[in-house]
Amino acid sequence: MSSIQLAGFGHLIQSEASIDYPRPDRLVQGNPERLTYDLYQHPHMDCGIWQCEVGAWKIKFAENKQEFFQIIEGIVRIHDAKTNSFIEVTAGNAGIIPPAFAGTFEVVEAVKKYYVIVEV
């Protein structure tokens, strides 16, 4: 697994994976297992590493929530419900899901990503 280092602590941050699946009412394709390694939490920010199998589900971000992520392995597509368009993010590239975004998160190829979720 990839890791994140925390400045001032001089060591790697590690955690056990939590496992979940998309809610049945949000499923679009498959029932992908999702592993989340929460590596740092702050009152308005969470970051870590997230992995997921192939599948797709509907997402709706709150007005005060946004996510920056960088793909380590795999391919994702984020479909915008308003425009019927999508972005495709591949290994080595990054993406942002802005506040109030609604659409579909599709894992095209098993994915592993760094994520930072910020609430304001």
PDB file of N, CA and C in Angstrom:
ATOM      1  N   MET A   1       0.835  -1.192   0.000  1.00  0.00           N
ATOM      2  CA  MET A   1       0.000   0.000   0.000  1.00  0.00           C
ATOM      3  C   MET A   1       0.869   1.241   0.000  1.00  0.00           C
ATOM      4  N   SER A   2       0.443   2.291  -0.658  1.00  0.00           N
ATOM      5  CA  SER A   2       1.114   3.584  -0.614  1.00  0.00           C
ATOM      6  C   SER A   2       0.935   4.171   0.774  1.00  0.00           C
ATOM      7  N   SER A   3       1.675   5.231   1.068  1.00  0.00           N
ATOM      8  CA  SER A   3       1.574   5.803   2.410  1.00  0.00           C
ATOM      9  C   SER A   3       1.648   7.319   2.348  1.00  0.00           C
ATOM     10  N   ILE A   4       1.274   7.932   3.444  1.00  0.00           N
ATOM     11  CA  ILE A   4       1.348   9.379   3.594  1.00  0.00           C
ATOM     12  C   ILE A   4       2.190   9.665   4.828  1.00  0.00           C
ATOM     13  N   GLN A   5       3.123  10.619   4.707  1.00  0.00           N
ATOM     14  CA  GLN A   5       3.944  10.992   5.850  1.00  0.00           C
ATOM     15  C   GLN A   5       3.411  12.290   6.436  1.00  0.00           C
ATOM     16  N   LEU A   6       3.428  12.380   7.760  1.00  0.00           N
ATOM     17  CA  LEU A   6       2.902  13.546   8.457  1.00  0.00           C
ATOM     18  C   LEU A   6       4.059  14.363   9.015  1.00  0.00           C
ATOM     19  N   ALA A   7       4.191  15.604   8.543  1.00  0.00           N
ATOM     20  CA  ALA A   7       5.273  16.490   8.981  1.00  0.00           C
ATOM     21  C   ALA A   7       5.209  16.706  10.488  1.00  0.00           C
ATOM     22  N   GLY A   8       6.360  16.715  11.122  1.00  0.00           N
ATOM     23  CA  GLY A   8       6.433  16.955  12.548  1.00  0.00           C
ATOM     24  C   GLY A   8       6.343  15.698  13.389  1.00  0.00           C
ATOM     25  N   PHE A   9       5.956  14.588  12.780  1.00  0.00           N
ATOM     26  CA  PHE A   9       5.834  13.348  13.530  1.00  0.00           C
ATOM     27  C   PHE A   9       6.941  12.362  13.184  1.00  0.00           C
ATOM     28  N   GLY A  10       7.593  12.543  12.023  1.00  0.00           N
ATOM     29  CA  GLY A  10       8.741  11.732  11.655  1.00  0.00           C
ATOM     30  C   GLY A  10       8.446  10.265  11.398  1.00  0.00           C
ATOM     31  N   HIS A  11       7.218   9.911  11.116  1.00  0.00           N
ATOM     32  CA  HIS A  11       6.902   8.516  10.827  1.00  0.00           C
ATOM     33  C   HIS A  11       5.725   8.422   9.856  1.00  0.00           C
ATOM     34  N   LEU A  12       5.522   7.248   9.333  1.00  0.00           N
ATOM     35  CA  LEU A  12       4.418   7.026   8.419  1.00  0.00           C
ATOM     36  C   LEU A  12       3.121   6.890   9.194  1.00  0.00           C
ATOM     37  N   ILE A  13       2.067   7.398   8.608  1.00  0.00           N
ATOM     38  CA  ILE A  13       0.740   7.235   9.179  1.00  0.00           C
ATOM     39  C   ILE A  13       0.163   5.957   8.581  1.00  0.00           C
ATOM     40  N   GLN A  14      -0.377   5.086   9.420  1.00  0.00           N
ATOM     41  CA  GLN A  14      -0.967   3.841   8.940  1.00  0.00           C
ATOM     42  C   GLN A  14      -2.290   3.610   9.651  1.00  0.00           C
ATOM     43  N   SER A  15      -3.190   2.936   8.970  1.00  0.00           N
ATOM     44  CA  SER A  15      -4.459   2.578   9.596  1.00  0.00           C
ATOM     45  C   SER A  15      -4.963   1.281   8.992  1.00  0.00           C
ATOM     46  N   GLU A  16      -5.888   0.664   9.662  1.00  0.00           N
ATOM     47  CA  GLU A  16      -6.557  -0.515   9.131  1.00  0.00           C
ATOM     48  C   GLU A  16      -7.613  -0.044   8.139  1.00  0.00           C
ATOM     49  N   ALA A  17      -7.866  -0.848   7.148  1.00  0.00           N
ATOM     50  CA  ALA A  17      -8.874  -0.484   6.153  1.00  0.00           C
ATOM     51  C   ALA A  17     -10.267  -0.691   6.710  1.00  0.00           C
ATOM     52  N   SER A  18     -11.147   0.266   6.418  1.00  0.00           N
ATOM     53  CA  SER A  18     -12.565   0.044   6.668  1.00  0.00           C
ATOM     54  C   SER A  18     -13.157  -0.358   5.321  1.00  0.00           C
ATOM     55  N   ILE A  19     -14.103  -1.285   5.353  1.00  0.00           N
ATOM     56  CA  ILE A  19     -14.699  -1.811   4.134  1.00  0.00           C
ATOM     57  C   ILE A  19     -16.164  -1.414   4.082  1.00  0.00           C
ATOM     58  N   ASP A  20     -16.597  -0.942   2.917  1.00  0.00           N
ATOM     59  CA  ASP A  20     -18.017  -0.654   2.725  1.00  0.00           C
ATOM     60  C   ASP A  20     -18.391  -0.885   1.273  1.00  0.00           C
ATOM     61  N   TYR A  21     -19.679  -0.730   0.995  1.00  0.00           N
ATOM     62  CA  TYR A  21     -20.249  -0.912  -0.340  1.00  0.00           C
ATOM     63  C   TYR A  21     -21.219   0.244  -0.583  1.00  0.00           C
ATOM     64  N   PRO A  22     -21.443   0.599  -1.844  1.00  0.00           N
ATOM     65  CA  PRO A  22     -22.429   1.654  -2.104  1.00  0.00           C
ATOM     66  C   PRO A  22     -23.810   1.243  -1.587  1.00  0.00           C
ATOM     67  N   ARG A  23     -24.570   2.218  -1.146  1.00  0.00           N
ATOM     68  CA  ARG A  23     -25.941   1.937  -0.707  1.00  0.00           C
ATOM     69  C   ARG A  23     -26.736   1.369  -1.879  1.00  0.00           C
ATOM     70  N   PRO A  24     -27.586   0.383  -1.627  1.00  0.00           N
ATOM     71  CA  PRO A  24     -28.362  -0.234  -2.714  1.00  0.00           C
ATOM     72  C   PRO A  24     -29.166   0.765  -3.545  1.00  0.00           C
ATOM     73  N   ASP A  25     -29.702   1.811  -2.916  1.00  0.00           N
ATOM     74  CA  ASP A  25     -30.499   2.790  -3.662  1.00  0.00           C
ATOM     75  C   ASP A  25     -29.649   3.693  -4.562  1.00  0.00           C
ATOM     76  N   ARG A  26     -28.327   3.629  -4.426  1.00  0.00           N
ATOM     77  CA  ARG A  26     -27.437   4.443  -5.255  1.00  0.00           C
ATOM     78  C   ARG A  26     -26.715   3.629  -6.330  1.00  0.00           C
ATOM     79  N   LEU A  27     -26.797   2.310  -6.244  1.00  0.00           N
ATOM     80  CA  LEU A  27     -26.069   1.464  -7.190  1.00  0.00           C
ATOM     81  C   LEU A  27     -26.540   1.672  -8.620  1.00  0.00           C
ATOM     82  N   VAL A  28     -25.552   1.741  -9.521  1.00  0.00           N
ATOM     83  CA  VAL A  28     -25.828   1.836 -10.947  1.00  0.00           C
ATOM     84  C   VAL A  28     -25.324   0.573 -11.643  1.00  0.00           C
ATOM     85  N   GLN A  29     -24.143   0.098 -11.193  1.00  0.00           N
ATOM     86  CA  GLN A  29     -23.524  -1.081 -11.802  1.00  0.00           C
ATOM     87  C   GLN A  29     -22.700  -1.817 -10.763  1.00  0.00           C
ATOM     88  N   GLY A  30     -22.862  -3.151 -10.681  1.00  0.00           N
ATOM     89  CA  GLY A  30     -22.072  -3.969  -9.761  1.00  0.00           C
ATOM     90  C   GLY A  30     -22.437  -3.702  -8.310  1.00  0.00           C
ATOM     91  N   ASN A  31     -21.569  -4.147  -7.424  1.00  0.00           N
ATOM     92  CA  ASN A  31     -21.661  -3.872  -5.990  1.00  0.00           C
ATOM     93  C   ASN A  31     -20.231  -3.853  -5.450  1.00  0.00           C
ATOM     94  N   PRO A  32     -19.457  -2.845  -5.866  1.00  0.00           N
ATOM     95  CA  PRO A  32     -18.023  -2.854  -5.595  1.00  0.00           C
ATOM     96  C   PRO A  32     -17.652  -2.695  -4.118  1.00  0.00           C
ATOM     97  N   GLU A  33     -16.682  -3.508  -3.714  1.00  0.00           N
ATOM     98  CA  GLU A  33     -16.107  -3.369  -2.372  1.00  0.00           C
ATOM     99  C   GLU A  33     -15.183  -2.159  -2.375  1.00  0.00           C
ATOM    100  N   ARG A  34     -15.313  -1.326  -1.323  1.00  0.00           N
ATOM    101  CA  ARG A  34     -14.503  -0.120  -1.204  1.00  0.00           C
ATOM    102  C   ARG A  34     -13.707  -0.197   0.099  1.00  0.00           C
ATOM    103  N   LEU A  35     -12.400   0.030   0.005  1.00  0.00           N
ATOM    104  CA  LEU A  35     -11.528   0.039   1.179  1.00  0.00           C
ATOM    105  C   LEU A  35     -11.039   1.457   1.408  1.00  0.00           C
ATOM    106  N   THR A  36     -11.189   1.944   2.634  1.00  0.00           N
ATOM    107  CA  THR A  36     -10.748   3.295   2.986  1.00  0.00           C
ATOM    108  C   THR A  36      -9.729   3.207   4.106  1.00  0.00           C
ATOM    109  N   TYR A  37      -8.575   3.823   3.879  1.00  0.00           N
ATOM    110  CA  TYR A  37      -7.529   3.943   4.896  1.00  0.00           C
ATOM    111  C   TYR A  37      -7.514   5.412   5.320  1.00  0.00           C
ATOM    112  N   ASP A  38      -8.207   5.747   6.411  1.00  0.00           N
ATOM    113  CA  ASP A  38      -8.190   7.117   6.926  1.00  0.00           C
ATOM    114  C   ASP A  38      -6.836   7.352   7.577  1.00  0.00           C
ATOM    115  N   LEU A  39      -6.060   8.270   7.013  1.00  0.00           N
ATOM    116  CA  LEU A  39      -4.697   8.467   7.506  1.00  0.00           C
ATOM    117  C   LEU A  39      -4.507   9.768   8.269  1.00  0.00           C
ATOM    118  N   TYR A  40      -5.422  10.715   8.094  1.00  0.00           N
ATOM    119  CA  TYR A  40      -5.311  11.970   8.834  1.00  0.00           C
ATOM    120  C   TYR A  40      -6.686  12.609   8.907  1.00  0.00           C
ATOM    121  N   GLN A  41      -7.053  13.034  10.095  1.00  0.00           N
ATOM    122  CA  GLN A  41      -8.323  13.725  10.270  1.00  0.00           C
ATOM    123  C   GLN A  41      -8.084  15.003  11.054  1.00  0.00           C
ATOM    124  N   HIS A  42      -8.790  16.033  10.644  1.00  0.00           N
ATOM    125  CA  HIS A  42      -8.737  17.351  11.262  1.00  0.00           C
ATOM    126  C   HIS A  42     -10.186  17.822  11.283  1.00  0.00           C
ATOM    127  N   PRO A  43     -10.548  18.787  12.106  1.00  0.00           N
ATOM    128  CA  PRO A  43     -11.966  19.157  12.180  1.00  0.00           C
ATOM    129  C   PRO A  43     -12.662  19.397  10.840  1.00  0.00           C
ATOM    130  N   HIS A  44     -11.951  19.898   9.830  1.00  0.00           N
ATOM    131  CA  HIS A  44     -12.602  20.194   8.553  1.00  0.00           C
ATOM    132  C   HIS A  44     -11.932  19.505   7.368  1.00  0.00           C
ATOM    133  N   MET A  45     -11.106  18.473   7.640  1.00  0.00           N
ATOM    134  CA  MET A  45     -10.391  17.808   6.556  1.00  0.00           C
ATOM    135  C   MET A  45     -10.106  16.357   6.922  1.00  0.00           C
ATOM    136  N   ASP A  46     -10.275  15.478   5.947  1.00  0.00           N
ATOM    137  CA  ASP A  46      -9.900  14.071   6.085  1.00  0.00           C
ATOM    138  C   ASP A  46      -9.076  13.706   4.864  1.00  0.00           C
ATOM    139  N   CYS A  47      -8.059  12.868   5.062  1.00  0.00           N
ATOM    140  CA  CYS A  47      -7.306  12.390   3.909  1.00  0.00           C
ATOM    141  C   CYS A  47      -6.824  10.978   4.149  1.00  0.00           C
ATOM    142  N   GLY A  48      -6.512  10.312   3.059  1.00  0.00           N
ATOM    143  CA  GLY A  48      -6.051   8.947   3.154  1.00  0.00           C
ATOM    144  C   GLY A  48      -5.939   8.311   1.783  1.00  0.00           C
ATOM    145  N   ILE A  49      -6.075   6.997   1.779  1.00  0.00           N
ATOM    146  CA  ILE A  49      -5.996   6.212   0.557  1.00  0.00           C
ATOM    147  C   ILE A  49      -7.279   5.403   0.441  1.00  0.00           C
ATOM    148  N   TRP A  50      -7.815   5.345  -0.768  1.00  0.00           N
ATOM    149  CA  TRP A  50      -9.084   4.676  -1.024  1.00  0.00           C
ATOM    150  C   TRP A  50      -8.905   3.738  -2.200  1.00  0.00           C
ATOM    151  N   GLN A  51      -9.451   2.525  -2.094  1.00  0.00           N
ATOM    152  CA  GLN A  51      -9.394   1.544  -3.174  1.00  0.00           C
ATOM    153  C   GLN A  51     -10.798   1.039  -3.463  1.00  0.00           C
ATOM    154  N   CYS A  52     -11.034   0.661  -4.729  1.00  0.00           N
ATOM    155  CA  CYS A  52     -12.376   0.204  -5.096  1.00  0.00           C
ATOM    156  C   CYS A  52     -12.325  -0.703  -6.312  1.00  0.00           C
ATOM    157  N   GLU A  53     -13.238  -1.677  -6.302  1.00  0.00           N
ATOM    158  CA  GLU A  53     -13.424  -2.563  -7.442  1.00  0.00           C
ATOM    159  C   GLU A  53     -14.256  -1.863  -8.519  1.00  0.00           C
ATOM    160  N   VAL A  54     -14.336  -2.472  -9.679  1.00  0.00           N
ATOM    161  CA  VAL A  54     -15.126  -1.935 -10.790  1.00  0.00           C
ATOM    162  C   VAL A  54     -16.603  -1.865 -10.401  1.00  0.00           C
ATOM    163  N   GLY A  55     -17.248  -0.764 -10.753  1.00  0.00           N
ATOM    164  CA  GLY A  55     -18.665  -0.555 -10.477  1.00  0.00           C
ATOM    165  C   GLY A  55     -19.011   0.917 -10.606  1.00  0.00           C
ATOM    166  N   ALA A  56     -20.273   1.248 -10.352  1.00  0.00           N
ATOM    167  CA  ALA A  56     -20.710   2.644 -10.451  1.00  0.00           C
ATOM    168  C   ALA A  56     -21.869   2.896  -9.492  1.00  0.00           C
ATOM    169  N   TRP A  57     -21.952   4.133  -8.959  1.00  0.00           N
ATOM    170  CA  TRP A  57     -23.022   4.521  -8.042  1.00  0.00           C
ATOM    171  C   TRP A  57     -23.215   6.026  -8.109  1.00  0.00           C
ATOM    172  N   LYS A  58     -24.405   6.444  -7.737  1.00  0.00           N
ATOM    173  CA  LYS A  58     -24.746   7.865  -7.729  1.00  0.00           C
ATOM    174  C   LYS A  58     -24.098   8.545  -6.526  1.00  0.00           C
ATOM    175  N   ILE A  59     -23.649   9.795  -6.752  1.00  0.00           N
ATOM    176  CA  ILE A  59     -23.086  10.599  -5.663  1.00  0.00           C
ATOM    177  C   ILE A  59     -23.768  11.957  -5.639  1.00  0.00           C
ATOM    178  N   LYS A  60     -23.806  12.558  -4.447  1.00  0.00           N
ATOM    179  CA  LYS A  60     -24.344  13.915  -4.256  1.00  0.00           C
ATOM    180  C   LYS A  60     -23.557  14.544  -3.127  1.00  0.00           C
ATOM    181  N   PHE A  61     -22.732  15.527  -3.451  1.00  0.00           N
ATOM    182  CA  PHE A  61     -21.924  16.194  -2.432  1.00  0.00           C
ATOM    183  C   PHE A  61     -22.730  17.308  -1.776  1.00  0.00           C
ATOM    184  N   ALA A  62     -22.499  17.509  -0.503  1.00  0.00           N
ATOM    185  CA  ALA A  62     -23.130  18.597   0.238  1.00  0.00           C
ATOM    186  C   ALA A  62     -22.576  19.941  -0.244  1.00  0.00           C
ATOM    187  N   GLU A  63     -23.303  20.999   0.033  1.00  0.00           N
ATOM    188  CA  GLU A  63     -22.882  22.360  -0.345  1.00  0.00           C
ATOM    189  C   GLU A  63     -21.535  22.750   0.268  1.00  0.00           C
ATOM    190  N   ASN A  64     -21.194  22.147   1.412  1.00  0.00           N
ATOM    191  CA  ASN A  64     -19.974  22.532   2.131  1.00  0.00           C
ATOM    192  C   ASN A  64     -18.869  21.480   2.041  1.00  0.00           C
ATOM    193  N   LYS A  65     -18.973  20.547   1.092  1.00  0.00           N
ATOM    194  CA  LYS A  65     -18.014  19.446   1.011  1.00  0.00           C
ATOM    195  C   LYS A  65     -17.428  19.364  -0.398  1.00  0.00           C
ATOM    196  N   GLN A  66     -16.102  19.153  -0.474  1.00  0.00           N
ATOM    197  CA  GLN A  66     -15.443  18.969  -1.750  1.00  0.00           C
ATOM    198  C   GLN A  66     -14.281  17.999  -1.587  1.00  0.00           C
ATOM    199  N   GLU A  67     -13.855  17.409  -2.702  1.00  0.00           N
ATOM    200  CA  GLU A  67     -12.776  16.417  -2.639  1.00  0.00           C
ATOM    201  C   GLU A  67     -11.756  16.667  -3.734  1.00  0.00           C
ATOM    202  N   PHE A  68     -10.489  16.608  -3.348  1.00  0.00           N
ATOM    203  CA  PHE A  68      -9.367  16.545  -4.286  1.00  0.00           C
ATOM    204  C   PHE A  68      -8.836  15.123  -4.208  1.00  0.00           C
ATOM    205  N   PHE A  69      -8.497  14.534  -5.358  1.00  0.00           N
ATOM    206  CA  PHE A  69      -7.915  13.191  -5.334  1.00  0.00           C
ATOM    207  C   PHE A  69      -6.892  13.044  -6.447  1.00  0.00           C
ATOM    208  N   GLN A  70      -5.955  12.111  -6.239  1.00  0.00           N
ATOM    209  CA  GLN A  70      -4.993  11.745  -7.270  1.00  0.00           C
ATOM    210  C   GLN A  70      -5.011  10.239  -7.418  1.00  0.00           C
ATOM    211  N   ILE A  71      -5.152   9.779  -8.646  1.00  0.00           N
ATOM    212  CA  ILE A  71      -5.213   8.349  -8.927  1.00  0.00           C
ATOM    213  C   ILE A  71      -3.802   7.761  -8.883  1.00  0.00           C
ATOM    214  N   ILE A  72      -3.634   6.708  -8.102  1.00  0.00           N
ATOM    215  CA  ILE A  72      -2.372   5.975  -8.022  1.00  0.00           C
ATOM    216  C   ILE A  72      -2.389   4.844  -9.050  1.00  0.00           C
ATOM    217  N   GLU A  73      -3.513   4.121  -9.100  1.00  0.00           N
ATOM    218  CA  GLU A  73      -3.705   3.010 -10.043  1.00  0.00           C
ATOM    219  C   GLU A  73      -5.147   3.038 -10.515  1.00  0.00           C
ATOM    220  N   GLY A  74      -5.378   2.648 -11.766  1.00  0.00           N
ATOM    221  CA  GLY A  74      -6.737   2.479 -12.256  1.00  0.00           C
ATOM    222  C   GLY A  74      -7.286   3.673 -13.013  1.00  0.00           C
ATOM    223  N   ILE A  75      -8.608   3.587 -13.268  1.00  0.00           N
ATOM    224  CA  ILE A  75      -9.310   4.620 -14.038  1.00  0.00           C
ATOM    225  C   ILE A  75     -10.690   4.855 -13.427  1.00  0.00           C
ATOM    226  N   VAL A  76     -11.057   6.128 -13.266  1.00  0.00           N
ATOM    227  CA  VAL A  76     -12.413   6.478 -12.839  1.00  0.00           C
ATOM    228  C   VAL A  76     -13.007   7.479 -13.822  1.00  0.00           C
ATOM    229  N   ARG A  77     -14.325   7.451 -13.891  1.00  0.00           N
ATOM    230  CA  ARG A  77     -15.069   8.462 -14.638  1.00  0.00           C
ATOM    231  C   ARG A  77     -16.071   9.073 -13.675  1.00  0.00           C
ATOM    232  N   ILE A  78     -16.170  10.391 -13.722  1.00  0.00           N
ATOM    233  CA  ILE A  78     -17.142  11.093 -12.892  1.00  0.00           C
ATOM    234  C   ILE A  78     -18.120  11.770 -13.845  1.00  0.00           C
ATOM    235  N   HIS A  79     -19.349  11.276 -13.826  1.00  0.00           N
ATOM    236  CA  HIS A  79     -20.397  11.734 -14.728  1.00  0.00           C
ATOM    237  C   HIS A  79     -21.204  12.841 -14.057  1.00  0.00           C
ATOM    238  N   ASP A  80     -21.358  13.956 -14.733  1.00  0.00           N
ATOM    239  CA  ASP A  80     -22.111  15.102 -14.231  1.00  0.00           C
ATOM    240  C   ASP A  80     -23.582  14.945 -14.625  1.00  0.00           C
ATOM    241  N   ALA A  81     -24.473  14.888 -13.644  1.00  0.00           N
ATOM    242  CA  ALA A  81     -25.904  14.704 -13.904  1.00  0.00           C
ATOM    243  C   ALA A  81     -26.509  15.893 -14.646  1.00  0.00           C
ATOM    244  N   LYS A  82     -25.965  17.095 -14.453  1.00  0.00           N
ATOM    245  CA  LYS A  82     -26.528  18.292 -15.095  1.00  0.00           C
ATOM    246  C   LYS A  82     -26.201  18.366 -16.583  1.00  0.00           C
ATOM    247  N   THR A  83     -24.992  17.966 -16.945  1.00  0.00           N
ATOM    248  CA  THR A  83     -24.532  18.158 -18.323  1.00  0.00           C
ATOM    249  C   THR A  83     -24.474  16.869 -19.138  1.00  0.00           C
ATOM    250  N   ASN A  84     -24.669  15.745 -18.487  1.00  0.00           N
ATOM    251  CA  ASN A  84     -24.528  14.436 -19.144  1.00  0.00           C
ATOM    252  C   ASN A  84     -23.142  14.241 -19.754  1.00  0.00           C
ATOM    253  N   SER A  85     -22.147  14.911 -19.191  1.00  0.00           N
ATOM    254  CA  SER A  85     -20.763  14.745 -19.618  1.00  0.00           C
ATOM    255  C   SER A  85     -19.995  14.062 -18.489  1.00  0.00           C
ATOM    256  N   PHE A  86     -18.748  13.670 -18.761  1.00  0.00           N
ATOM    257  CA  PHE A  86     -17.936  13.079 -17.709  1.00  0.00           C
ATOM    258  C   PHE A  86     -16.474  13.454 -17.894  1.00  0.00           C
ATOM    259  N   ILE A  87     -15.735  13.343 -16.790  1.00  0.00           N
ATOM    260  CA  ILE A  87     -14.283  13.438 -16.860  1.00  0.00           C
ATOM    261  C   ILE A  87     -13.742  12.044 -16.596  1.00  0.00           C
ATOM    262  N   GLU A  88     -12.618  11.717 -17.205  1.00  0.00           N
ATOM    263  CA  GLU A  88     -11.951  10.443 -16.946  1.00  0.00           C
ATOM    264  C   GLU A  88     -10.602  10.755 -16.330  1.00  0.00           C
ATOM    265  N   VAL A  89     -10.316  10.137 -15.182  1.00  0.00           N
ATOM    266  CA  VAL A  89      -9.071  10.403 -14.470  1.00  0.00           C
ATOM    267  C   VAL A  89      -8.302   9.088 -14.377  1.00  0.00           C
ATOM    268  N   THR A  90      -7.064   9.110 -14.838  1.00  0.00           N
ATOM    269  CA  THR A  90      -6.228   7.908 -14.911  1.00  0.00           C
ATOM    270  C   THR A  90      -5.022   8.033 -13.980  1.00  0.00           C
ATOM    271  N   ALA A  91      -4.312   6.930 -13.817  1.00  0.00           N
ATOM    272  CA  ALA A  91      -3.150   6.884 -12.924  1.00  0.00           C
ATOM    273  C   ALA A  91      -2.195   8.042 -13.208  1.00  0.00           C
ATOM    274  N   GLY A  92      -1.777   8.713 -12.138  1.00  0.00           N
ATOM    275  CA  GLY A  92      -0.867   9.844 -12.235  1.00  0.00           C
ATOM    276  C   GLY A  92      -1.560  11.181 -12.369  1.00  0.00           C
ATOM    277  N   ASN A  93      -2.876  11.167 -12.584  1.00  0.00           N
ATOM    278  CA  ASN A  93      -3.629  12.405 -12.754  1.00  0.00           C
ATOM    279  C   ASN A  93      -4.543  12.651 -11.555  1.00  0.00           C
ATOM    280  N   ALA A  94      -5.037  13.876 -11.461  1.00  0.00           N
ATOM    281  CA  ALA A  94      -5.840  14.276 -10.313  1.00  0.00           C
ATOM    282  C   ALA A  94      -7.187  14.826 -10.766  1.00  0.00           C
ATOM    283  N   GLY A  95      -8.121  14.876  -9.833  1.00  0.00           N
ATOM    284  CA  GLY A  95      -9.434  15.429 -10.104  1.00  0.00           C
ATOM    285  C   GLY A  95      -9.992  16.107  -8.875  1.00  0.00           C
ATOM    286  N   ILE A  96     -11.041  16.884  -9.091  1.00  0.00           N
ATOM    287  CA  ILE A  96     -11.733  17.567  -7.996  1.00  0.00           C
ATOM    288  C   ILE A  96     -13.224  17.341  -8.167  1.00  0.00           C
ATOM    289  N   ILE A  97     -13.890  17.015  -7.061  1.00  0.00           N
ATOM    290  CA  ILE A  97     -15.343  16.955  -7.030  1.00  0.00           C
ATOM    291  C   ILE A  97     -15.781  18.163  -6.211  1.00  0.00           C
ATOM    292  N   PRO A  98     -16.413  19.145  -6.852  1.00  0.00           N
ATOM    293  CA  PRO A  98     -16.737  20.400  -6.165  1.00  0.00           C
ATOM    294  C   PRO A  98     -17.971  20.287  -5.266  1.00  0.00           C
ATOM    295  N   PRO A  99     -18.185  21.298  -4.422  1.00  0.00           N
ATOM    296  CA  PRO A  99     -19.375  21.307  -3.563  1.00  0.00           C
ATOM    297  C   PRO A  99     -20.656  21.213  -4.396  1.00  0.00           C
ATOM    298  N   ALA A 100     -21.643  20.527  -3.856  1.00  0.00           N
ATOM    299  CA  ALA A 100     -22.978  20.369  -4.436  1.00  0.00           C
ATOM    300  C   ALA A 100     -22.989  19.566  -5.738  1.00  0.00           C
ATOM    301  N   PHE A 101     -21.903  18.888  -6.065  1.00  0.00           N
ATOM    302  CA  PHE A 101     -21.851  18.092  -7.284  1.00  0.00           C
ATOM    303  C   PHE A 101     -22.785  16.893  -7.173  1.00  0.00           C
ATOM    304  N   ALA A 102     -23.516  16.615  -8.242  1.00  0.00           N
ATOM    305  CA  ALA A 102     -24.389  15.441  -8.307  1.00  0.00           C
ATOM    306  C   ALA A 102     -24.090  14.698  -9.598  1.00  0.00           C
ATOM    307  N   GLY A 103     -23.981  13.381  -9.491  1.00  0.00           N
ATOM    308  CA  GLY A 103     -23.716  12.595 -10.684  1.00  0.00           C
ATOM    309  C   GLY A 103     -23.468  11.143 -10.338  1.00  0.00           C
ATOM    310  N   THR A 104     -22.616  10.527 -11.138  1.00  0.00           N
ATOM    311  CA  THR A 104     -22.280   9.111 -10.957  1.00  0.00           C
ATOM    312  C   THR A 104     -20.774   8.952 -10.894  1.00  0.00           C
ATOM    313  N   PHE A 105     -20.315   8.173  -9.921  1.00  0.00           N
ATOM    314  CA  PHE A 105     -18.901   7.833  -9.791  1.00  0.00           C
ATOM    315  C   PHE A 105     -18.746   6.433 -10.366  1.00  0.00           C
ATOM    316  N   GLU A 106     -17.950   6.317 -11.428  1.00  0.00           N
ATOM    317  CA  GLU A 106     -17.761   5.032 -12.107  1.00  0.00           C
ATOM    318  C   GLU A 106     -16.298   4.600 -12.022  1.00  0.00           C
ATOM    319  N   VAL A 107     -16.063   3.416 -11.506  1.00  0.00           N
ATOM    320  CA  VAL A 107     -14.725   2.833 -11.491  1.00  0.00           C
ATOM    321  C   VAL A 107     -14.640   1.927 -12.721  1.00  0.00           C
ATOM    322  N   VAL A 108     -13.856   2.351 -13.693  1.00  0.00           N
ATOM    323  CA  VAL A 108     -13.719   1.635 -14.957  1.00  0.00           C
ATOM    324  C   VAL A 108     -12.724   0.494 -14.820  1.00  0.00           C
ATOM    325  N   GLU A 109     -11.645   0.774 -14.090  1.00  0.00           N
ATOM    326  CA  GLU A 109     -10.584  -0.199 -13.826  1.00  0.00           C
ATOM    327  C   GLU A 109     -10.253  -0.069 -12.349  1.00  0.00           C
ATOM    328  N   ALA A 110     -10.157  -1.198 -11.629  1.00  0.00           N
ATOM    329  CA  ALA A 110      -9.915  -1.150 -10.180  1.00  0.00           C
ATOM    330  C   ALA A 110      -8.988   0.012  -9.837  1.00  0.00           C
ATOM    331  N   VAL A 111      -9.388   0.781  -8.829  1.00  0.00           N
ATOM    332  CA  VAL A 111      -8.712   2.051  -8.558  1.00  0.00           C
ATOM    333  C   VAL A 111      -8.135   2.112  -7.151  1.00  0.00           C
ATOM    334  N   LYS A 112      -7.064   2.882  -7.059  1.00  0.00           N
ATOM    335  CA  LYS A 112      -6.447   3.234  -5.778  1.00  0.00           C
ATOM    336  C   LYS A 112      -6.118   4.713  -5.899  1.00  0.00           C
ATOM    337  N   LYS A 113      -6.525   5.497  -4.900  1.00  0.00           N
ATOM    338  CA  LYS A 113      -6.298   6.939  -4.993  1.00  0.00           C
ATOM    339  C   LYS A 113      -5.968   7.528  -3.628  1.00  0.00           C
ATOM    340  N   TYR A 114      -5.223   8.640  -3.662  1.00  0.00           N
ATOM    341  CA  TYR A 114      -5.092   9.501  -2.498  1.00  0.00           C
ATOM    342  C   TYR A 114      -6.294  10.417  -2.527  1.00  0.00           C
ATOM    343  N   TYR A 115      -6.844  10.744  -1.359  1.00  0.00           N
ATOM    344  CA  TYR A 115      -7.971  11.684  -1.328  1.00  0.00           C
ATOM    345  C   TYR A 115      -7.800  12.683  -0.201  1.00  0.00           C
ATOM    346  N   VAL A 116      -8.356  13.859  -0.416  1.00  0.00           N
ATOM    347  CA  VAL A 116      -8.450  14.905   0.608  1.00  0.00           C
ATOM    348  C   VAL A 116      -9.863  15.447   0.509  1.00  0.00           C
ATOM    349  N   ILE A 117     -10.635  15.307   1.576  1.00  0.00           N
ATOM    350  CA  ILE A 117     -11.994  15.826   1.631  1.00  0.00           C
ATOM    351  C   ILE A 117     -12.011  17.006   2.599  1.00  0.00           C
ATOM    352  N   VAL A 118     -12.521  18.124   2.110  1.00  0.00           N
ATOM    353  CA  VAL A 118     -12.540  19.352   2.900  1.00  0.00           C
ATOM    354  C   VAL A 118     -13.993  19.787   3.081  1.00  0.00           C
ATOM    355  N   GLU A 119     -14.339  20.146   4.306  1.00  0.00           N
ATOM    356  CA  GLU A 119     -15.663  20.701   4.607  1.00  0.00           C
ATOM    357  C   GLU A 119     -15.451  22.118   5.112  1.00  0.00           C
ATOM    358  N   VAL A 120     -16.232  23.055   4.536  1.00  0.00           N
ATOM    359  CA  VAL A 120     -16.097  24.458   4.945  1.00  0.00           C
ATOM    360  C   VAL A 120     -17.423  25.007   5.402  1.00  0.00           C
TER     361      VAL A 120
END
